[in-house]
């Protein structure tokens, strides 16, 4: 049997037989479609183990140089957002300045990808993401590597004046970064909400070195709920006007907008991608992380 690459190894010791079985599973996963591996009546323990295997495989592929060339080809063909974000934005930006600022992105999948006549700044902490962006994106869009904190976000937030679209999706301090950026008064605000938090009005505490996988091995502990983000934006004069079809991104406009505001209770959607990937529901996810520290955002 082929030896398993060290990048797949768990931090805790793994029995040799179990390790060999996981290596075989990973080998098979490379040859077939991962979703088809989930058996109909798989138990919780087996499902969690499969999730760990998927996560290790994803981490390995993300670190591989092949990822760069895969996404380079994908980007040449044409990138897309993960859901219907482009369609929603196209309906909201007709009267706004032709500029956007997006925190947390991938060059072939980001919220503002459909804003073809906008000048933009994309910010991310991953050097390979920035390298790929510079190889793919037009000159009207700048990609900048920066690990964002509350100490440096103010200077980034004033890159464009006036700002048309602000998008925040960093899988961590989203609430705190959005709170710092809202005084810039963007015309349209897009933010990722954590569907695993349900409607609980909570956010994770601010941590300048936030790493969601280090915080909790599920990766579900990050960001803020749809309720928390709606409450925050309301205090700055914005209202919720749309939610992406796959669940995950919310859209806000100034209170003066003619579009009707939405109640997060009715607008909330579970994350289609997370549920499918993990074989769980938002309620299951909340049960696993509800003991973690949270900050109320009423």
C-alpha atoms as a PDB file:
ATOM      1  CA  UNK A   1       0.000   0.000   0.000  1.00  0.00           C
ATOM      2  CA  UNK A   2       1.234   3.498  -0.831  1.00  0.00           C
ATOM      3  CA  UNK A   3       2.519   5.597   2.036  1.00  0.00           C
ATOM      4  CA  UNK A   4       0.300   8.432   3.124  1.00  0.00           C
ATOM      5  CA  UNK A   5       1.783  11.934   2.698  1.00  0.00           C
ATOM      6  CA  UNK A   6       2.633  13.556   6.036  1.00  0.00           C
ATOM      7  CA  UNK A   7       0.354  16.513   5.241  1.00  0.00           C
ATOM      8  CA  UNK A   8      -2.616  14.204   5.801  1.00  0.00           C
ATOM      9  CA  UNK A   9      -1.533  13.120   9.267  1.00  0.00           C
ATOM     10  CA  UNK A  10      -3.683  14.156  12.194  1.00  0.00           C
ATOM     11  CA  UNK A  11      -2.132  15.867  15.189  1.00  0.00           C
ATOM     12  CA  UNK A  12      -3.206  12.992  17.431  1.00  0.00           C
ATOM     13  CA  UNK A  13      -1.589   9.543  16.999  1.00  0.00           C
ATOM     14  CA  UNK A  14      -3.406   7.278  14.534  1.00  0.00           C
ATOM     15  CA  UNK A  15      -3.261   3.493  14.659  1.00  0.00           C
ATOM     16  CA  UNK A  16      -1.423   2.016  11.641  1.00  0.00           C
ATOM     17  CA  UNK A  17      -4.410   0.056  10.374  1.00  0.00           C
ATOM     18  CA  UNK A  18      -6.669   3.083  10.572  1.00  0.00           C
ATOM     19  CA  UNK A  19      -4.055   5.210   8.834  1.00  0.00           C
ATOM     20  CA  UNK A  20      -3.786   2.695   6.020  1.00  0.00           C
ATOM     21  CA  UNK A  21      -7.548   2.670   5.601  1.00  0.00           C
ATOM     22  CA  UNK A  22      -7.604   6.461   5.422  1.00  0.00           C
ATOM     23  CA  UNK A  23      -4.805   6.464   2.845  1.00  0.00           C
ATOM     24  CA  UNK A  24      -6.771   4.009   0.717  1.00  0.00           C
ATOM     25  CA  UNK A  25      -9.881   6.170   1.053  1.00  0.00           C
ATOM     26  CA  UNK A  26      -7.956   9.266  -0.033  1.00  0.00           C
ATOM     27  CA  UNK A  27      -6.508   7.411  -3.012  1.00  0.00           C
ATOM     28  CA  UNK A  28      -9.980   6.342  -4.078  1.00  0.00           C
ATOM     29  CA  UNK A  29     -11.307   9.856  -3.472  1.00  0.00           C
ATOM     30  CA  UNK A  30      -8.896  11.233  -6.043  1.00  0.00           C
ATOM     31  CA  UNK A  31     -10.356   8.859  -8.651  1.00  0.00           C
ATOM     32  CA  UNK A  32     -14.026   9.335  -7.884  1.00  0.00           C
ATOM     33  CA  UNK A  33     -16.421  12.017  -6.790  1.00  0.00           C
ATOM     34  CA  UNK A  34     -16.231  12.590  -3.033  1.00  0.00           C
ATOM     35  CA  UNK A  35     -19.973  13.160  -2.456  1.00  0.00           C
ATOM     36  CA  UNK A  36     -20.678   9.664  -3.766  1.00  0.00           C
ATOM     37  CA  UNK A  37     -18.607   8.235  -0.923  1.00  0.00           C
ATOM     38  CA  UNK A  38     -21.226   9.083   1.690  1.00  0.00           C
ATOM     39  CA  UNK A  39     -23.260   5.988   2.427  1.00  0.00           C
ATOM     40  CA  UNK A  40     -26.967   6.280   3.039  1.00  0.00           C
ATOM     41  CA  UNK A  41     -26.960   4.919   6.580  1.00  0.00           C
ATOM     42  CA  UNK A  42     -23.512   6.034   7.727  1.00  0.00           C
ATOM     43  CA  UNK A  43     -23.316   6.660  11.485  1.00  0.00           C
ATOM     44  CA  UNK A  44     -22.212   9.866  13.170  1.00  0.00           C
ATOM     45  CA  UNK A  45     -18.762   8.503  13.933  1.00  0.00           C
ATOM     46  CA  UNK A  46     -18.172   7.374  10.359  1.00  0.00           C
ATOM     47  CA  UNK A  47     -19.520  10.680   9.028  1.00  0.00           C
ATOM     48  CA  UNK A  48     -17.153  12.683  11.227  1.00  0.00           C
ATOM     49  CA  UNK A  49     -14.253  10.531  10.095  1.00  0.00           C
ATOM     50  CA  UNK A  50     -15.181  11.103   6.464  1.00  0.00           C
ATOM     51  CA  UNK A  51     -15.310  14.850   7.113  1.00  0.00           C
ATOM     52  CA  UNK A  52     -11.771  14.716   8.522  1.00  0.00           C
ATOM     53  CA  UNK A  53     -10.557  12.842   5.446  1.00  0.00           C
ATOM     54  CA  UNK A  54     -12.213  15.379   3.153  1.00  0.00           C
ATOM     55  CA  UNK A  55     -10.667  18.254   5.102  1.00  0.00           C
ATOM     56  CA  UNK A  56      -7.187  16.726   4.897  1.00  0.00           C
ATOM     57  CA  UNK A  57      -7.583  16.082   1.180  1.00  0.00           C
ATOM     58  CA  UNK A  58      -8.770  19.649   0.630  1.00  0.00           C
ATOM     59  CA  UNK A  59      -5.846  21.052   2.646  1.00  0.00           C
ATOM     60  CA  UNK A  60      -3.393  18.933   0.652  1.00  0.00           C
ATOM     61  CA  UNK A  61      -4.825  20.035  -2.698  1.00  0.00           C
ATOM     62  CA  UNK A  62      -4.923  23.674  -1.553  1.00  0.00           C
ATOM     63  CA  UNK A  63      -1.214  23.555  -0.710  1.00  0.00           C
ATOM     64  CA  UNK A  64      -0.295  21.737  -3.920  1.00  0.00           C
ATOM     65  CA  UNK A  65       1.224  23.695  -6.846  1.00  0.00           C
ATOM     66  CA  UNK A  66      -1.381  21.962  -9.027  1.00  0.00           C
ATOM     67  CA  UNK A  67      -4.020  24.186  -7.405  1.00  0.00           C
ATOM     68  CA  UNK A  68      -2.436  27.252  -8.973  1.00  0.00           C
ATOM     69  CA  UNK A  69      -2.545  25.826 -12.494  1.00  0.00           C
ATOM     70  CA  UNK A  70      -6.034  24.384 -12.044  1.00  0.00           C
ATOM     71  CA  UNK A  71      -7.444  27.762 -11.057  1.00  0.00           C
ATOM     72  CA  UNK A  72      -5.372  29.520 -13.701  1.00  0.00           C
ATOM     73  CA  UNK A  73      -7.110  27.438 -16.371  1.00  0.00           C
ATOM     74  CA  UNK A  74     -10.467  27.877 -14.628  1.00  0.00           C
ATOM     75  CA  UNK A  75      -9.964  31.631 -14.501  1.00  0.00           C
ATOM     76  CA  UNK A  76      -9.085  31.819 -18.192  1.00  0.00           C
ATOM     77  CA  UNK A  77     -12.326  30.029 -18.999  1.00  0.00           C
ATOM     78  CA  UNK A  78     -14.287  32.310 -16.712  1.00  0.00           C
ATOM     79  CA  UNK A  79     -14.835  32.523 -12.964  1.00  0.00           C
ATOM     80  CA  UNK A  80     -18.104  32.716 -11.064  1.00  0.00           C
ATOM     81  CA  UNK A  81     -19.370  33.480  -7.586  1.00  0.00           C
ATOM     82  CA  UNK A  82     -20.398  30.482  -5.463  1.00  0.00           C
ATOM     83  CA  UNK A  83     -24.133  31.211  -5.685  1.00  0.00           C
ATOM     84  CA  UNK A  84     -26.254  34.026  -7.172  1.00  0.00           C
ATOM     85  CA  UNK A  85     -24.294  36.926  -5.673  1.00  0.00           C
ATOM     86  CA  UNK A  86     -23.554  38.449  -9.095  1.00  0.00           C
ATOM     87  CA  UNK A  87     -27.231  38.498 -10.037  1.00  0.00           C
ATOM     88  CA  UNK A  88     -28.173  40.142  -6.752  1.00  0.00           C
ATOM     89  CA  UNK A  89     -25.391  42.734  -7.002  1.00  0.00           C
ATOM     90  CA  UNK A  90     -26.316  43.599 -10.588  1.00  0.00           C
ATOM     91  CA  UNK A  91     -29.750  44.649  -9.320  1.00  0.00           C
ATOM     92  CA  UNK A  92     -28.351  46.711  -6.446  1.00  0.00           C
ATOM     93  CA  UNK A  93     -25.480  48.678  -7.990  1.00  0.00           C
ATOM     94  CA  UNK A  94     -27.231  50.658 -10.720  1.00  0.00           C
ATOM     95  CA  UNK A  95     -26.943  53.967  -8.846  1.00  0.00           C
ATOM     96  CA  UNK A  96     -23.712  53.434  -6.921  1.00  0.00           C
ATOM     97  CA  UNK A  97     -20.102  54.554  -7.570  1.00  0.00           C
ATOM     98  CA  UNK A  98     -18.219  52.114  -9.820  1.00  0.00           C
ATOM     99  CA  UNK A  99     -15.789  50.941  -7.138  1.00  0.00           C
ATOM    100  CA  UNK A 100     -15.626  47.908  -4.880  1.00  0.00           C
ATOM    101  CA  UNK A 101     -13.556  46.686  -1.948  1.00  0.00           C
ATOM    102  CA  UNK A 102     -13.612  42.972  -1.105  1.00  0.00           C
ATOM    103  CA  UNK A 103     -11.931  41.313   1.865  1.00  0.00           C
ATOM    104  CA  UNK A 104     -11.397  37.561   1.537  1.00  0.00           C
ATOM    105  CA  UNK A 105     -11.609  36.232  -2.007  1.00  0.00           C
ATOM    106  CA  UNK A 106     -10.529  33.700  -4.587  1.00  0.00           C
ATOM    107  CA  UNK A 107      -9.692  34.978  -8.086  1.00  0.00           C
ATOM    108  CA  UNK A 108     -12.230  32.658  -9.752  1.00  0.00           C
ATOM    109  CA  UNK A 109     -14.930  32.866  -7.049  1.00  0.00           C
ATOM    110  CA  UNK A 110     -15.669  36.176  -5.373  1.00  0.00           C
ATOM    111  CA  UNK A 111     -18.780  38.254  -4.807  1.00  0.00           C
ATOM    112  CA  UNK A 112     -17.877  41.215  -7.035  1.00  0.00           C
ATOM    113  CA  UNK A 113     -16.694  39.114  -9.974  1.00  0.00           C
ATOM    114  CA  UNK A 114     -19.601  40.249 -12.167  1.00  0.00           C
ATOM    115  CA  UNK A 115     -18.955  43.985 -11.739  1.00  0.00           C
ATOM    116  CA  UNK A 116     -17.210  44.313 -15.088  1.00  0.00           C
ATOM    117  CA  UNK A 117     -17.134  48.113 -15.279  1.00  0.00           C
ATOM    118  CA  UNK A 118     -15.926  48.660 -11.700  1.00  0.00           C
ATOM    119  CA  UNK A 119     -12.484  49.391 -10.341  1.00  0.00           C
ATOM    120  CA  UNK A 120     -11.740  47.229  -7.338  1.00  0.00           C
ATOM    121  CA  UNK A 121      -9.368  46.264  -4.570  1.00  0.00           C
ATOM    122  CA  UNK A 122      -9.244  42.627  -3.451  1.00  0.00           C
ATOM    123  CA  UNK A 123      -7.503  41.864  -0.144  1.00  0.00           C
ATOM    124  CA  UNK A 124      -6.438  38.458   1.171  1.00  0.00           C
ATOM    125  CA  UNK A 125      -3.689  37.058   3.367  1.00  0.00           C
ATOM    126  CA  UNK A 126      -2.791  34.088   1.153  1.00  0.00           C
ATOM    127  CA  UNK A 127       0.235  34.818  -1.115  1.00  0.00           C
ATOM    128  CA  UNK A 128      -0.748  32.136  -3.644  1.00  0.00           C
ATOM    129  CA  UNK A 129      -4.211  33.674  -3.988  1.00  0.00           C
ATOM    130  CA  UNK A 130      -2.630  37.065  -4.718  1.00  0.00           C
ATOM    131  CA  UNK A 131      -0.193  35.540  -7.219  1.00  0.00           C
ATOM    132  CA  UNK A 132      -3.073  33.865  -9.042  1.00  0.00           C
ATOM    133  CA  UNK A 133      -5.147  37.054  -8.975  1.00  0.00           C
ATOM    134  CA  UNK A 134      -2.349  39.077 -10.533  1.00  0.00           C
ATOM    135  CA  UNK A 135      -2.061  36.493 -13.304  1.00  0.00           C
ATOM    136  CA  UNK A 136      -5.789  36.466 -14.038  1.00  0.00           C
ATOM    137  CA  UNK A 137      -7.465  39.750 -13.234  1.00  0.00           C
ATOM    138  CA  UNK A 138      -7.663  42.887 -15.402  1.00  0.00           C
ATOM    139  CA  UNK A 139      -5.626  45.981 -14.517  1.00  0.00           C
ATOM    140  CA  UNK A 140      -8.689  47.775 -13.170  1.00  0.00           C
ATOM    141  CA  UNK A 141      -8.636  45.362 -10.208  1.00  0.00           C
ATOM    142  CA  UNK A 142      -5.787  45.416  -7.698  1.00  0.00           C
ATOM    143  CA  UNK A 143      -5.045  42.362  -5.563  1.00  0.00           C
ATOM    144  CA  UNK A 144      -3.201  43.068  -2.338  1.00  0.00           C
ATOM    145  CA  UNK A 145      -1.780  40.633   0.200  1.00  0.00           C
ATOM    146  CA  UNK A 146      -2.510  41.667   3.762  1.00  0.00           C
ATOM    147  CA  UNK A 147      -3.441  39.812   6.921  1.00  0.00           C
ATOM    148  CA  UNK A 148      -6.244  42.083   8.065  1.00  0.00           C
ATOM    149  CA  UNK A 149      -6.551  43.351  11.622  1.00  0.00           C
ATOM    150  CA  UNK A 150      -8.359  46.254  13.255  1.00  0.00           C
ATOM    151  CA  UNK A 151      -4.998  48.058  13.267  1.00  0.00           C
ATOM    152  CA  UNK A 152      -4.675  48.197   9.470  1.00  0.00           C
ATOM    153  CA  UNK A 153      -8.223  47.967   8.155  1.00  0.00           C
ATOM    154  CA  UNK A 154      -8.932  51.713   8.335  1.00  0.00           C
ATOM    155  CA  UNK A 155      -6.291  52.509   5.716  1.00  0.00           C
ATOM    156  CA  UNK A 156      -7.670  49.803   3.429  1.00  0.00           C
ATOM    157  CA  UNK A 157     -11.226  51.008   3.894  1.00  0.00           C
ATOM    158  CA  UNK A 158     -10.418  54.460   2.538  1.00  0.00           C
ATOM    159  CA  UNK A 159      -8.795  53.155  -0.656  1.00  0.00           C
ATOM    160  CA  UNK A 160     -11.776  54.374  -2.697  1.00  0.00           C
ATOM    161  CA  UNK A 161     -13.779  57.496  -2.019  1.00  0.00           C
ATOM    162  CA  UNK A 162     -16.653  57.198  -2.575  1.00  0.00           C
ATOM    163  CA  UNK A 163     -17.015  53.423  -2.218  1.00  0.00           C
ATOM    164  CA  UNK A 164     -19.689  51.597  -4.176  1.00  0.00           C
ATOM    165  CA  UNK A 165     -19.606  48.023  -2.857  1.00  0.00           C
ATOM    166  CA  UNK A 166     -18.042  46.658   0.321  1.00  0.00           C
ATOM    167  CA  UNK A 167     -17.774  42.869   0.666  1.00  0.00           C
ATOM    168  CA  UNK A 168     -16.464  41.086   3.779  1.00  0.00           C
ATOM    169  CA  UNK A 169     -15.884  37.322   3.848  1.00  0.00           C
ATOM    170  CA  UNK A 170     -12.856  36.413   5.956  1.00  0.00           C
ATOM    171  CA  UNK A 171     -14.147  33.403   7.943  1.00  0.00           C
ATOM    172  CA  UNK A 172     -13.245  34.935  11.259  1.00  0.00           C
ATOM    173  CA  UNK A 173     -13.469  38.545  12.423  1.00  0.00           C
ATOM    174  CA  UNK A 174     -16.133  39.492   9.868  1.00  0.00           C
ATOM    175  CA  UNK A 175     -18.388  41.283  12.359  1.00  0.00           C
ATOM    176  CA  UNK A 176     -15.579  43.395  13.807  1.00  0.00           C
ATOM    177  CA  UNK A 177     -14.153  44.334  10.424  1.00  0.00           C
ATOM    178  CA  UNK A 178     -17.596  45.278   9.114  1.00  0.00           C
ATOM    179  CA  UNK A 179     -18.199  47.394  12.210  1.00  0.00           C
ATOM    180  CA  UNK A 180     -14.939  49.265  11.538  1.00  0.00           C
ATOM    181  CA  UNK A 181     -15.724  49.775   7.837  1.00  0.00           C
ATOM    182  CA  UNK A 182     -19.369  50.839   7.901  1.00  0.00           C
ATOM    183  CA  UNK A 183     -18.497  54.492   8.744  1.00  0.00           C
ATOM    184  CA  UNK A 184     -16.958  54.673   5.230  1.00  0.00           C
ATOM    185  CA  UNK A 185     -20.606  54.625   4.038  1.00  0.00           C
ATOM    186  CA  UNK A 186     -20.464  52.200   1.082  1.00  0.00           C
ATOM    187  CA  UNK A 187     -23.588  52.214  -1.071  1.00  0.00           C
ATOM    188  CA  UNK A 188     -23.943  48.414  -1.019  1.00  0.00           C
ATOM    189  CA  UNK A 189     -22.743  46.091   1.756  1.00  0.00           C
ATOM    190  CA  UNK A 190     -22.196  42.363   1.284  1.00  0.00           C
ATOM    191  CA  UNK A 191     -21.192  40.183   4.218  1.00  0.00           C
ATOM    192  CA  UNK A 192     -20.906  36.486   4.880  1.00  0.00           C
ATOM    193  CA  UNK A 193     -23.039  35.205   7.742  1.00  0.00           C
ATOM    194  CA  UNK A 194     -22.417  31.926   9.539  1.00  0.00           C
ATOM    195  CA  UNK A 195     -25.516  29.799   8.999  1.00  0.00           C
ATOM    196  CA  UNK A 196     -24.287  27.361  11.673  1.00  0.00           C
ATOM    197  CA  UNK A 197     -25.169  30.012  14.294  1.00  0.00           C
ATOM    198  CA  UNK A 198     -28.829  29.924  13.254  1.00  0.00           C
ATOM    199  CA  UNK A 199     -30.731  33.035  14.336  1.00  0.00           C
ATOM    200  CA  UNK A 200     -28.775  33.491  17.560  1.00  0.00           C
ATOM    201  CA  UNK A 201     -27.605  37.164  17.668  1.00  0.00           C
ATOM    202  CA  UNK A 202     -23.946  36.295  18.239  1.00  0.00           C
ATOM    203  CA  UNK A 203     -20.465  36.775  16.847  1.00  0.00           C
ATOM    204  CA  UNK A 204     -17.106  35.266  17.706  1.00  0.00           C
ATOM    205  CA  UNK A 205     -14.886  37.470  19.906  1.00  0.00           C
ATOM    206  CA  UNK A 206     -12.293  39.513  18.078  1.00  0.00           C
ATOM    207  CA  UNK A 207      -8.916  37.822  17.764  1.00  0.00           C
ATOM    208  CA  UNK A 208      -6.246  39.421  15.520  1.00  0.00           C
ATOM    209  CA  UNK A 209      -4.774  35.969  14.828  1.00  0.00           C
ATOM    210  CA  UNK A 210      -8.104  34.244  14.215  1.00  0.00           C
ATOM    211  CA  UNK A 211      -7.872  30.846  12.501  1.00  0.00           C
ATOM    212  CA  UNK A 212     -11.171  29.001  12.382  1.00  0.00           C
ATOM    213  CA  UNK A 213      -9.606  25.534  12.100  1.00  0.00           C
ATOM    214  CA  UNK A 214      -7.405  26.233  15.105  1.00  0.00           C
ATOM    215  CA  UNK A 215     -10.406  27.488  17.076  1.00  0.00           C
ATOM    216  CA  UNK A 216     -12.539  24.368  16.463  1.00  0.00           C
ATOM    217  CA  UNK A 217     -11.775  21.307  14.369  1.00  0.00           C
ATOM    218  CA  UNK A 218     -15.148  21.486  12.601  1.00  0.00           C
ATOM    219  CA  UNK A 219     -14.316  24.837  10.986  1.00  0.00           C
ATOM    220  CA  UNK A 220     -17.841  26.013  11.858  1.00  0.00           C
ATOM    221  CA  UNK A 221     -16.837  28.505  14.542  1.00  0.00           C
ATOM    222  CA  UNK A 222     -16.246  31.856  12.815  1.00  0.00           C
ATOM    223  CA  UNK A 223     -17.919  35.092  11.825  1.00  0.00           C
ATOM    224  CA  UNK A 224     -21.386  36.161  12.925  1.00  0.00           C
ATOM    225  CA  UNK A 225     -25.021  35.186  12.507  1.00  0.00           C
ATOM    226  CA  UNK A 226     -27.439  36.796  10.063  1.00  0.00           C
ATOM    227  CA  UNK A 227     -29.205  38.376  13.053  1.00  0.00           C
ATOM    228  CA  UNK A 228     -26.012  39.889  14.445  1.00  0.00           C
ATOM    229  CA  UNK A 229     -25.012  41.370  11.085  1.00  0.00           C
ATOM    230  CA  UNK A 230     -28.494  42.773  10.468  1.00  0.00           C
ATOM    231  CA  UNK A 231     -28.514  44.400  13.908  1.00  0.00           C
ATOM    232  CA  UNK A 232     -25.068  45.887  13.322  1.00  0.00           C
ATOM    233  CA  UNK A 233     -25.964  47.327   9.930  1.00  0.00           C
ATOM    234  CA  UNK A 234     -29.237  48.705  11.266  1.00  0.00           C
ATOM    235  CA  UNK A 235     -27.343  50.786  13.835  1.00  0.00           C
ATOM    236  CA  UNK A 236     -25.433  52.346  10.914  1.00  0.00           C
ATOM    237  CA  UNK A 237     -28.518  53.102   8.835  1.00  0.00           C
ATOM    238  CA  UNK A 238     -28.649  50.028   6.574  1.00  0.00           C
ATOM    239  CA  UNK A 239     -31.360  47.430   6.015  1.00  0.00           C
ATOM    240  CA  UNK A 240     -31.237  43.812   4.862  1.00  0.00           C
ATOM    241  CA  UNK A 241     -32.533  43.508   1.292  1.00  0.00           C
ATOM    242  CA  UNK A 242     -31.325  40.119  -0.034  1.00  0.00           C
ATOM    243  CA  UNK A 243     -29.808  36.748   0.898  1.00  0.00           C
ATOM    244  CA  UNK A 244     -27.932  34.490  -1.525  1.00  0.00           C
ATOM    245  CA  UNK A 245     -29.795  31.382  -2.674  1.00  0.00           C
ATOM    246  CA  UNK A 246     -27.194  28.976  -1.248  1.00  0.00           C
ATOM    247  CA  UNK A 247     -27.231  30.705   2.143  1.00  0.00           C
ATOM    248  CA  UNK A 248     -24.127  32.487   3.369  1.00  0.00           C
ATOM    249  CA  UNK A 249     -24.145  36.048   2.028  1.00  0.00           C
ATOM    250  CA  UNK A 250     -26.388  38.934   3.008  1.00  0.00           C
ATOM    251  CA  UNK A 251     -26.870  42.251   1.200  1.00  0.00           C
ATOM    252  CA  UNK A 252     -27.627  45.626   2.750  1.00  0.00           C
ATOM    253  CA  UNK A 253     -28.659  49.015   1.370  1.00  0.00           C
ATOM    254  CA  UNK A 254     -29.173  52.377   3.098  1.00  0.00           C
ATOM    255  CA  UNK A 255     -32.507  52.751   4.876  1.00  0.00           C
ATOM    256  CA  UNK A 256     -33.512  55.362   2.286  1.00  0.00           C
ATOM    257  CA  UNK A 257     -33.491  52.729  -0.472  1.00  0.00           C
ATOM    258  CA  UNK A 258     -36.851  52.008  -2.100  1.00  0.00           C
ATOM    259  CA  UNK A 259     -36.337  48.254  -1.795  1.00  0.00           C
ATOM    260  CA  UNK A 260     -38.239  46.702   1.111  1.00  0.00           C
ATOM    261  CA  UNK A 261     -36.281  45.553   4.137  1.00  0.00           C
ATOM    262  CA  UNK A 262     -36.228  41.881   5.136  1.00  0.00           C
ATOM    263  CA  UNK A 263     -36.618  40.279   8.534  1.00  0.00           C
ATOM    264  CA  UNK A 264     -33.681  37.920   9.188  1.00  0.00           C
ATOM    265  CA  UNK A 265     -36.089  35.364  10.668  1.00  0.00           C
ATOM    266  CA  UNK A 266     -37.825  34.985   7.301  1.00  0.00           C
ATOM    267  CA  UNK A 267     -34.717  35.617   5.172  1.00  0.00           C
ATOM    268  CA  UNK A 268     -32.390  33.124   6.892  1.00  0.00           C
ATOM    269  CA  UNK A 269     -31.210  30.137   4.875  1.00  0.00           C
ATOM    270  CA  UNK A 270     -28.991  27.287   5.939  1.00  0.00           C
ATOM    271  CA  UNK A 271     -25.710  26.864   4.053  1.00  0.00           C
ATOM    272  CA  UNK A 272     -26.347  24.476   1.182  1.00  0.00           C
ATOM    273  CA  UNK A 273     -22.644  23.863   0.621  1.00  0.00           C
ATOM    274  CA  UNK A 274     -21.813  23.252   4.290  1.00  0.00           C
ATOM    275  CA  UNK A 275     -24.770  20.948   4.833  1.00  0.00           C
ATOM    276  CA  UNK A 276     -23.968  18.912   1.741  1.00  0.00           C
ATOM    277  CA  UNK A 277     -20.263  18.724   2.498  1.00  0.00           C
ATOM    278  CA  UNK A 278     -20.721  17.665   6.117  1.00  0.00           C
ATOM    279  CA  UNK A 279     -23.936  15.665   5.910  1.00  0.00           C
ATOM    280  CA  UNK A 280     -25.327  17.755   8.781  1.00  0.00           C
ATOM    281  CA  UNK A 281     -27.850  20.548   9.340  1.00  0.00           C
ATOM    282  CA  UNK A 282     -27.347  23.975  10.882  1.00  0.00           C
ATOM    283  CA  UNK A 283     -28.899  22.674  14.103  1.00  0.00           C
ATOM    284  CA  UNK A 284     -26.384  19.815  14.218  1.00  0.00           C
ATOM    285  CA  UNK A 285     -23.563  22.276  13.612  1.00  0.00           C
ATOM    286  CA  UNK A 286     -24.725  24.610  16.382  1.00  0.00           C
ATOM    287  CA  UNK A 287     -24.874  21.729  18.855  1.00  0.00           C
ATOM    288  CA  UNK A 288     -21.179  21.061  18.256  1.00  0.00           C
ATOM    289  CA  UNK A 289     -20.008  24.647  18.750  1.00  0.00           C
ATOM    290  CA  UNK A 290     -22.525  26.257  21.129  1.00  0.00           C
ATOM    291  CA  UNK A 291     -20.152  25.790  24.083  1.00  0.00           C
ATOM    292  CA  UNK A 292     -17.569  28.072  22.456  1.00  0.00           C
ATOM    293  CA  UNK A 293     -17.160  31.728  23.574  1.00  0.00           C
ATOM    294  CA  UNK A 294     -19.502  34.207  21.884  1.00  0.00           C
ATOM    295  CA  UNK A 295     -20.259  37.917  22.053  1.00  0.00           C
ATOM    296  CA  UNK A 296     -23.910  38.951  22.005  1.00  0.00           C
ATOM    297  CA  UNK A 297     -24.828  41.371  19.223  1.00  0.00           C
ATOM    298  CA  UNK A 298     -28.437  42.389  19.963  1.00  0.00           C
END
